[in-house]
Amino acid sequence: MKTIRYYIGLVILGLMISCSGDDDGGTPFFTQNSAPAVPGLVFPTNNLTCTSIALEFVWGVAIDVDGDSVSYDIEISEESDFSTIAFTATTTTTGKVFDLEKGVTYYWRVKAIDSEGNESDYSSTQSFFTEPEATINTLPGVPELVTPALGSRLSGSLVTLRWSATDSDDDALSYDLYFGDTNPPVLFAENIDVNTFDVSVSPGTAYYWRIVVKDIHQSATIGQVWNFRTE
């Protein structure tokens, strides 16, 4: 009799296990981990001519919906198909400085990798050129913030951004504005010929902005990210 009860118990246990699961009949023990988003390239911009060969590459943060930590692989090549790689690095930051060669057209791209080993697609490719004589022209000075003050809280639907910049060669300067509610900000306006720009804003939002200063030789200096918040 005990033997019969033992076998009945095994059968019941097997039925309980076979019937376990979620309400949809799926397997409750596995959750798909997604790859991070594709990072967007910030600087150097496409078709830029760079006088400096010690160049800082900057790209945007790649969002990972699973909250995994993210690192970035950057590739720089002299070939548009990246058949050979001139420079490469893996970093957890969204910027990296490379010492490049003079008089070369480069192509660059970035992909994101999360802590689970999932990889995004590579970003779109951008190209730029380093001048043969990189020391003849002096880079524009780093742009300086005028208004609004760093971290300030503002009201209203329109904010005037102001900055200043100088060039030791007295070259005429133009500016690219990167602006938005993400950090780093995205390209918002190009080739501005004054050092002020009005932007429309929404209440209760943190905004980030930076300026890239360019001279008539298309030498460029990228500024730091500034921020303010609306009430």
C-alpha atoms as a PDB file:
ATOM      1  CA  MET A   1       0.000   0.000   0.000  1.00  0.00           C
ATOM      2  CA  LYS A   2       2.853   2.385   0.790  1.00  0.00           C
ATOM      3  CA  THR A   3       4.361   1.603  -2.617  1.00  0.00           C
ATOM      4  CA  ILE A   4       1.120   2.587  -4.363  1.00  0.00           C
ATOM      5  CA  ARG A   5       0.936   5.863  -2.408  1.00  0.00           C
ATOM      6  CA  TYR A   6       4.565   6.574  -3.366  1.00  0.00           C
ATOM      7  CA  TYR A   7       3.905   6.171  -7.082  1.00  0.00           C
ATOM      8  CA  ILE A   8       0.704   8.221  -6.897  1.00  0.00           C
ATOM      9  CA  GLY A   9       2.702  11.010  -5.234  1.00  0.00           C
ATOM     10  CA  LEU A  10       5.283  10.945  -8.016  1.00  0.00           C
ATOM     11  CA  VAL A  11       2.569  11.181 -10.667  1.00  0.00           C
ATOM     12  CA  ILE A  12       0.924  14.159  -8.927  1.00  0.00           C
ATOM     13  CA  LEU A  13       4.294  15.904  -8.555  1.00  0.00           C
ATOM     14  CA  GLY A  14       5.025  15.373 -12.254  1.00  0.00           C
ATOM     15  CA  LEU A  15       1.657  16.858 -13.235  1.00  0.00           C
ATOM     16  CA  MET A  16       2.293  19.898 -11.022  1.00  0.00           C
ATOM     17  CA  ILE A  17       5.675  20.516 -12.648  1.00  0.00           C
ATOM     18  CA  SER A  18       4.368  20.024 -16.187  1.00  0.00           C
ATOM     19  CA  CYS A  19       1.540  22.497 -15.563  1.00  0.00           C
ATOM     20  CA  SER A  20       3.692  25.205 -14.020  1.00  0.00           C
ATOM     21  CA  GLY A  21       4.415  28.344 -16.084  1.00  0.00           C
ATOM     22  CA  ASP A  22       2.946  31.719 -16.828  1.00  0.00           C
ATOM     23  CA  ASP A  23      -0.651  32.315 -17.827  1.00  0.00           C
ATOM     24  CA  ASP A  24       0.294  32.545 -21.510  1.00  0.00           C
ATOM     25  CA  GLY A  25       1.941  29.135 -21.579  1.00  0.00           C
ATOM     26  CA  GLY A  26       5.383  30.694 -22.075  1.00  0.00           C
ATOM     27  CA  THR A  27       8.550  29.854 -20.218  1.00  0.00           C
ATOM     28  CA  PRO A  28       8.770  32.040 -17.111  1.00  0.00           C
ATOM     29  CA  PHE A  29      12.423  31.402 -16.448  1.00  0.00           C
ATOM     30  CA  PHE A  30      14.009  33.370 -19.317  1.00  0.00           C
ATOM     31  CA  THR A  31      13.906  37.059 -20.186  1.00  0.00           C
ATOM     32  CA  GLN A  32      15.434  38.378 -23.404  1.00  0.00           C
ATOM     33  CA  ASN A  33      18.155  40.954 -22.794  1.00  0.00           C
ATOM     34  CA  SER A  34      18.153  43.659 -25.455  1.00  0.00           C
ATOM     35  CA  ALA A  35      21.119  45.303 -27.137  1.00  0.00           C
ATOM     36  CA  PRO A  36      21.739  48.996 -26.371  1.00  0.00           C
ATOM     37  CA  ALA A  37      20.679  51.703 -28.794  1.00  0.00           C
ATOM     38  CA  VAL A  38      22.970  52.832 -31.590  1.00  0.00           C
ATOM     39  CA  PRO A  39      25.098  55.818 -30.458  1.00  0.00           C
ATOM     40  CA  GLY A  40      24.912  59.043 -32.469  1.00  0.00           C
ATOM     41  CA  LEU A  41      28.107  60.749 -33.627  1.00  0.00           C
ATOM     42  CA  VAL A  42      28.698  64.307 -32.384  1.00  0.00           C
ATOM     43  CA  PHE A  43      32.237  65.435 -33.325  1.00  0.00           C
ATOM     44  CA  PRO A  44      34.091  65.643 -35.675  1.00  0.00           C
ATOM     45  CA  THR A  45      31.182  66.461 -37.919  1.00  0.00           C
ATOM     46  CA  ASN A  46      30.901  65.077 -41.436  1.00  0.00           C
ATOM     47  CA  ASN A  47      33.304  66.533 -44.042  1.00  0.00           C
ATOM     48  CA  LEU A  48      35.098  68.701 -41.482  1.00  0.00           C
ATOM     49  CA  THR A  49      38.665  69.847 -42.191  1.00  0.00           C
ATOM     50  CA  CYS A  50      40.691  69.619 -38.992  1.00  0.00           C
ATOM     51  CA  THR A  51      43.844  71.599 -38.363  1.00  0.00           C
ATOM     52  CA  SER A  52      44.498  69.870 -35.054  1.00  0.00           C
ATOM     53  CA  ILE A  53      45.739  66.280 -35.252  1.00  0.00           C
ATOM     54  CA  ALA A  54      45.227  65.653 -31.518  1.00  0.00           C
ATOM     55  CA  LEU A  55      41.507  65.321 -32.029  1.00  0.00           C
ATOM     56  CA  GLU A  56      38.766  64.547 -29.505  1.00  0.00           C
ATOM     57  CA  PHE A  57      36.009  62.289 -30.818  1.00  0.00           C
ATOM     58  CA  VAL A  58      32.618  62.707 -29.137  1.00  0.00           C
ATOM     59  CA  TRP A  59      29.420  60.656 -29.456  1.00  0.00           C
ATOM     60  CA  GLY A  60      26.076  60.406 -27.690  1.00  0.00           C
ATOM     61  CA  VAL A  61      25.014  58.153 -24.824  1.00  0.00           C
ATOM     62  CA  ALA A  62      23.500  54.830 -25.936  1.00  0.00           C
ATOM     63  CA  ILE A  63      20.396  54.002 -23.896  1.00  0.00           C
ATOM     64  CA  ASP A  64      20.085  50.416 -22.635  1.00  0.00           C
ATOM     65  CA  VAL A  65      16.458  49.508 -21.810  1.00  0.00           C
ATOM     66  CA  ASP A  66      17.599  46.792 -19.395  1.00  0.00           C
ATOM     67  CA  GLY A  67      19.692  49.243 -17.386  1.00  0.00           C
ATOM     68  CA  ASP A  68      22.939  47.406 -18.159  1.00  0.00           C
ATOM     69  CA  SER A  69      26.221  49.286 -18.067  1.00  0.00           C
ATOM     70  CA  VAL A  70      27.409  50.265 -21.545  1.00  0.00           C
ATOM     71  CA  SER A  71      30.837  50.604 -23.151  1.00  0.00           C
ATOM     72  CA  TYR A  72      31.712  51.835 -26.632  1.00  0.00           C
ATOM     73  CA  ASP A  73      33.927  50.582 -29.442  1.00  0.00           C
ATOM     74  CA  ILE A  74      35.226  53.320 -31.740  1.00  0.00           C
ATOM     75  CA  GLU A  75      36.876  52.557 -35.070  1.00  0.00           C
ATOM     76  CA  ILE A  76      38.794  55.039 -37.252  1.00  0.00           C
ATOM     77  CA  SER A  77      39.892  54.028 -40.734  1.00  0.00           C
ATOM     78  CA  GLU A  78      41.398  55.483 -43.875  1.00  0.00           C
ATOM     79  CA  GLU A  79      39.017  53.238 -45.848  1.00  0.00           C
ATOM     80  CA  SER A  80      35.281  53.904 -46.134  1.00  0.00           C
ATOM     81  CA  ASP A  81      34.559  50.178 -45.786  1.00  0.00           C
ATOM     82  CA  PHE A  82      36.790  49.872 -42.680  1.00  0.00           C
ATOM     83  CA  SER A  83      38.762  47.073 -44.319  1.00  0.00           C
ATOM     84  CA  THR A  84      41.746  48.301 -42.316  1.00  0.00           C
ATOM     85  CA  ILE A  85      41.561  50.036 -38.941  1.00  0.00           C
ATOM     86  CA  ALA A  86      43.953  52.898 -38.213  1.00  0.00           C
ATOM     87  CA  PHE A  87      42.823  53.519 -34.610  1.00  0.00           C
ATOM     88  CA  THR A  88      40.449  51.743 -32.262  1.00  0.00           C
ATOM     89  CA  ALA A  89      39.564  51.806 -28.572  1.00  0.00           C
ATOM     90  CA  THR A  90      36.980  50.581 -26.093  1.00  0.00           C
ATOM     91  CA  THR A  91      35.828  53.044 -23.432  1.00  0.00           C
ATOM     92  CA  THR A  92      32.974  53.587 -20.983  1.00  0.00           C
ATOM     93  CA  THR A  93      32.958  57.337 -21.690  1.00  0.00           C
ATOM     94  CA  THR A  94      31.442  59.169 -24.678  1.00  0.00           C
ATOM     95  CA  GLY A  95      34.704  60.718 -25.852  1.00  0.00           C
ATOM     96  CA  LYS A  96      38.249  59.733 -26.795  1.00  0.00           C
ATOM     97  CA  VAL A  97      41.319  61.645 -28.014  1.00  0.00           C
ATOM     98  CA  PHE A  98      43.491  60.231 -30.810  1.00  0.00           C
ATOM     99  CA  ASP A  99      46.737  61.583 -32.285  1.00  0.00           C
ATOM    100  CA  LEU A 100      46.118  61.402 -36.025  1.00  0.00           C
ATOM    101  CA  GLU A 101      48.296  61.716 -39.118  1.00  0.00           C
ATOM    102  CA  LYS A 102      48.486  64.894 -41.223  1.00  0.00           C
ATOM    103  CA  GLY A 103      46.902  65.129 -44.658  1.00  0.00           C
ATOM    104  CA  VAL A 104      44.607  62.096 -44.340  1.00  0.00           C
ATOM    105  CA  THR A 105      40.893  61.524 -44.923  1.00  0.00           C
ATOM    106  CA  TYR A 106      39.489  59.497 -42.046  1.00  0.00           C
ATOM    107  CA  TYR A 107      36.223  57.657 -41.506  1.00  0.00           C
ATOM    108  CA  TRP A 108      34.866  56.859 -38.064  1.00  0.00           C
ATOM    109  CA  ARG A 109      32.034  54.981 -36.397  1.00  0.00           C
ATOM    110  CA  VAL A 110      30.993  53.771 -32.939  1.00  0.00           C
ATOM    111  CA  LYS A 111      28.942  50.891 -31.542  1.00  0.00           C
ATOM    112  CA  ALA A 112      27.668  50.208 -28.019  1.00  0.00           C
ATOM    113  CA  ILE A 113      28.139  46.993 -26.011  1.00  0.00           C
ATOM    114  CA  ASP A 114      26.277  46.238 -22.778  1.00  0.00           C
ATOM    115  CA  SER A 115      27.556  44.283 -19.786  1.00  0.00           C
ATOM    116  CA  GLU A 116      25.748  41.161 -21.063  1.00  0.00           C
ATOM    117  CA  GLY A 117      27.748  41.207 -24.280  1.00  0.00           C
ATOM    118  CA  ASN A 118      24.923  42.451 -26.512  1.00  0.00           C
ATOM    119  CA  GLU A 119      26.104  44.803 -29.262  1.00  0.00           C
ATOM    120  CA  SER A 120      24.279  47.563 -31.107  1.00  0.00           C
ATOM    121  CA  ASP A 121      24.750  48.142 -34.815  1.00  0.00           C
ATOM    122  CA  TYR A 122      27.512  50.544 -35.762  1.00  0.00           C
ATOM    123  CA  SER A 123      26.531  54.180 -36.031  1.00  0.00           C
ATOM    124  CA  SER A 124      26.390  55.887 -39.388  1.00  0.00           C
ATOM    125  CA  THR A 125      29.862  56.699 -40.739  1.00  0.00           C
ATOM    126  CA  GLN A 126      31.250  60.236 -40.821  1.00  0.00           C
ATOM    127  CA  SER A 127      34.410  61.392 -42.567  1.00  0.00           C
ATOM    128  CA  PHE A 128      36.809  64.289 -42.052  1.00  0.00           C
ATOM    129  CA  PHE A 129      40.185  65.481 -43.309  1.00  0.00           C
ATOM    130  CA  THR A 130      43.364  66.499 -41.481  1.00  0.00           C
ATOM    131  CA  GLU A 131      45.335  69.282 -43.145  1.00  0.00           C
ATOM    132  CA  PRO A 132      48.901  68.503 -44.301  1.00  0.00           C
ATOM    133  CA  GLU A 133      50.399  71.274 -42.170  1.00  0.00           C
ATOM    134  CA  ALA A 134      48.524  71.115 -38.907  1.00  0.00           C
ATOM    135  CA  THR A 135      50.575  73.752 -37.106  1.00  0.00           C
ATOM    136  CA  ILE A 136      50.266  76.689 -39.542  1.00  0.00           C
ATOM    137  CA  ASN A 137      46.846  77.824 -38.350  1.00  0.00           C
ATOM    138  CA  THR A 138      45.986  78.197 -34.678  1.00  0.00           C
ATOM    139  CA  LEU A 139      42.785  76.645 -33.436  1.00  0.00           C
ATOM    140  CA  PRO A 140      40.061  78.998 -32.198  1.00  0.00           C
ATOM    141  CA  GLY A 141      39.923  79.430 -28.447  1.00  0.00           C
ATOM    142  CA  VAL A 142      37.597  77.301 -26.334  1.00  0.00           C
ATOM    143  CA  PRO A 143      34.178  78.995 -26.204  1.00  0.00           C
ATOM    144  CA  GLU A 144      33.216  80.598 -22.898  1.00  0.00           C
ATOM    145  CA  LEU A 145      29.750  80.734 -21.367  1.00  0.00           C
ATOM    146  CA  VAL A 146      28.061  84.135 -21.042  1.00  0.00           C
ATOM    147  CA  THR A 147      24.373  83.400 -20.315  1.00  0.00           C
ATOM    148  CA  PRO A 148      22.417  81.652 -18.945  1.00  0.00           C
ATOM    149  CA  ALA A 149      24.627  80.860 -15.961  1.00  0.00           C
ATOM    150  CA  LEU A 150      25.642  77.238 -15.560  1.00  0.00           C
ATOM    151  CA  GLY A 151      22.947  75.268 -13.729  1.00  0.00           C
ATOM    152  CA  SER A 152      20.559  78.223 -13.534  1.00  0.00           C
ATOM    153  CA  ARG A 153      16.769  77.846 -13.250  1.00  0.00           C
ATOM    154  CA  LEU A 154      14.769  79.885 -15.768  1.00  0.00           C
ATOM    155  CA  SER A 155      11.144  80.690 -16.483  1.00  0.00           C
ATOM    156  CA  GLY A 156       9.480  81.525 -19.774  1.00  0.00           C
ATOM    157  CA  SER A 157       9.248  79.779 -23.126  1.00  0.00           C
ATOM    158  CA  LEU A 158      12.232  81.478 -24.824  1.00  0.00           C
ATOM    159  CA  VAL A 159      15.858  81.450 -23.673  1.00  0.00           C
ATOM    160  CA  THR A 160      18.702  83.444 -25.230  1.00  0.00           C
ATOM    161  CA  LEU A 161      21.994  81.547 -25.326  1.00  0.00           C
ATOM    162  CA  ARG A 162      25.145  83.693 -25.364  1.00  0.00           C
ATOM    163  CA  TRP A 163      28.794  82.707 -25.538  1.00  0.00           C
ATOM    164  CA  SER A 164      32.161  84.231 -26.455  1.00  0.00           C
ATOM    165  CA  ALA A 165      35.157  82.954 -28.406  1.00  0.00           C
ATOM    166  CA  THR A 166      38.435  84.339 -29.745  1.00  0.00           C
ATOM    167  CA  ASP A 167      40.960  83.391 -32.397  1.00  0.00           C
ATOM    168  CA  SER A 168      44.647  84.312 -32.119  1.00  0.00           C
ATOM    169  CA  ASP A 169      44.915  84.508 -35.945  1.00  0.00           C
ATOM    170  CA  ASP A 170      42.012  86.989 -36.016  1.00  0.00           C
ATOM    171  CA  ASP A 171      40.102  84.693 -38.351  1.00  0.00           C
ATOM    172  CA  ALA A 172      36.374  85.195 -38.750  1.00  0.00           C
ATOM    173  CA  LEU A 173      34.491  82.662 -36.640  1.00  0.00           C
ATOM    174  CA  SER A 174      31.274  80.713 -37.065  1.00  0.00           C
ATOM    175  CA  TYR A 175      29.518  78.439 -34.625  1.00  0.00           C
ATOM    176  CA  ASP A 176      27.634  75.153 -34.524  1.00  0.00           C
ATOM    177  CA  LEU A 177      25.113  74.887 -31.699  1.00  0.00           C
ATOM    178  CA  TYR A 178      24.354  71.552 -30.049  1.00  0.00           C
ATOM    179  CA  PHE A 179      21.206  71.795 -27.932  1.00  0.00           C
ATOM    180  CA  GLY A 180      18.505  69.587 -26.420  1.00  0.00           C
ATOM    181  CA  ASP A 181      17.205  67.728 -23.374  1.00  0.00           C
ATOM    182  CA  THR A 182      19.746  64.911 -23.670  1.00  0.00           C
ATOM    183  CA  ASN A 183      23.408  64.889 -22.665  1.00  0.00           C
ATOM    184  CA  PRO A 184      25.422  65.171 -24.827  1.00  0.00           C
ATOM    185  CA  PRO A 185      23.113  67.426 -26.881  1.00  0.00           C
ATOM    186  CA  VAL A 186      22.492  66.978 -30.606  1.00  0.00           C
ATOM    187  CA  LEU A 187      23.307  69.329 -33.479  1.00  0.00           C
ATOM    188  CA  PHE A 188      20.683  72.085 -33.479  1.00  0.00           C
ATOM    189  CA  ALA A 189      21.996  74.862 -35.769  1.00  0.00           C
ATOM    190  CA  GLU A 190      25.064  75.182 -38.025  1.00  0.00           C
ATOM    191  CA  ASN A 191      27.280  78.033 -39.220  1.00  0.00           C
ATOM    192  CA  ILE A 192      25.878  80.705 -36.935  1.00  0.00           C
ATOM    193  CA  ASP A 193      27.756  83.961 -37.577  1.00  0.00           C
ATOM    194  CA  VAL A 194      26.866  85.643 -34.254  1.00  0.00           C
ATOM    195  CA  ASN A 195      27.490  84.532 -30.680  1.00  0.00           C
ATOM    196  CA  THR A 196      23.868  84.486 -29.546  1.00  0.00           C
ATOM    197  CA  PHE A 197      20.904  82.258 -30.338  1.00  0.00           C
ATOM    198  CA  ASP A 198      17.272  82.104 -29.106  1.00  0.00           C
ATOM    199  CA  VAL A 199      15.787  78.669 -28.330  1.00  0.00           C
ATOM    200  CA  SER A 200      12.234  77.668 -27.427  1.00  0.00           C
ATOM    201  CA  VAL A 201      11.924  75.638 -24.222  1.00  0.00           C
ATOM    202  CA  SER A 202       9.291  73.729 -22.254  1.00  0.00           C
ATOM    203  CA  PRO A 203       8.677  74.017 -18.504  1.00  0.00           C
ATOM    204  CA  GLY A 204      10.163  71.570 -16.017  1.00  0.00           C
ATOM    205  CA  THR A 205      12.944  70.398 -18.319  1.00  0.00           C
ATOM    206  CA  ALA A 206      16.723  70.177 -18.053  1.00  0.00           C
ATOM    207  CA  TYR A 207      18.509  71.431 -21.179  1.00  0.00           C
ATOM    208  CA  TYR A 208      22.099  70.886 -22.314  1.00  0.00           C
ATOM    209  CA  TRP A 209      24.087  72.842 -24.888  1.00  0.00           C
ATOM    210  CA  ARG A 210      27.571  73.271 -26.276  1.00  0.00           C
ATOM    211  CA  ILE A 211      29.276  75.327 -28.972  1.00  0.00           C
ATOM    212  CA  VAL A 212      31.731  74.229 -31.658  1.00  0.00           C
ATOM    213  CA  VAL A 213      33.824  77.185 -32.853  1.00  0.00           C
ATOM    214  CA  LYS A 214      35.090  77.141 -36.451  1.00  0.00           C
ATOM    215  CA  ASP A 215      37.429  79.538 -38.247  1.00  0.00           C
ATOM    216  CA  ILE A 216      37.641  80.258 -41.981  1.00  0.00           C
ATOM    217  CA  HIS A 217      40.070  77.340 -42.396  1.00  0.00           C
ATOM    218  CA  GLN A 218      37.437  75.015 -40.913  1.00  0.00           C
ATOM    219  CA  SER A 219      39.631  74.419 -37.896  1.00  0.00           C
ATOM    220  CA  ALA A 220      37.298  73.647 -35.023  1.00  0.00           C
ATOM    221  CA  THR A 221      37.308  73.702 -31.234  1.00  0.00           C
ATOM    222  CA  ILE A 222      34.571  71.920 -29.309  1.00  0.00           C
ATOM    223  CA  GLY A 223      33.328  73.453 -26.071  1.00  0.00           C
ATOM    224  CA  GLN A 224      32.158  71.805 -22.884  1.00  0.00           C
ATOM    225  CA  VAL A 225      28.514  70.957 -22.218  1.00  0.00           C
ATOM    226  CA  TRP A 226      26.579  73.636 -20.311  1.00  0.00           C
ATOM    227  CA  ASN A 227      23.143  73.208 -18.763  1.00  0.00           C
ATOM    228  CA  PHE A 228      20.145  75.019 -17.314  1.00  0.00           C
ATOM    229  CA  ARG A 229      16.660  74.003 -16.122  1.00  0.00           C
ATOM    230  CA  THR A 230      13.244  75.518 -16.764  1.00  0.00           C
ATOM    231  CA  GLU A 231      10.609  75.906 -14.059  1.00  0.00           C
END
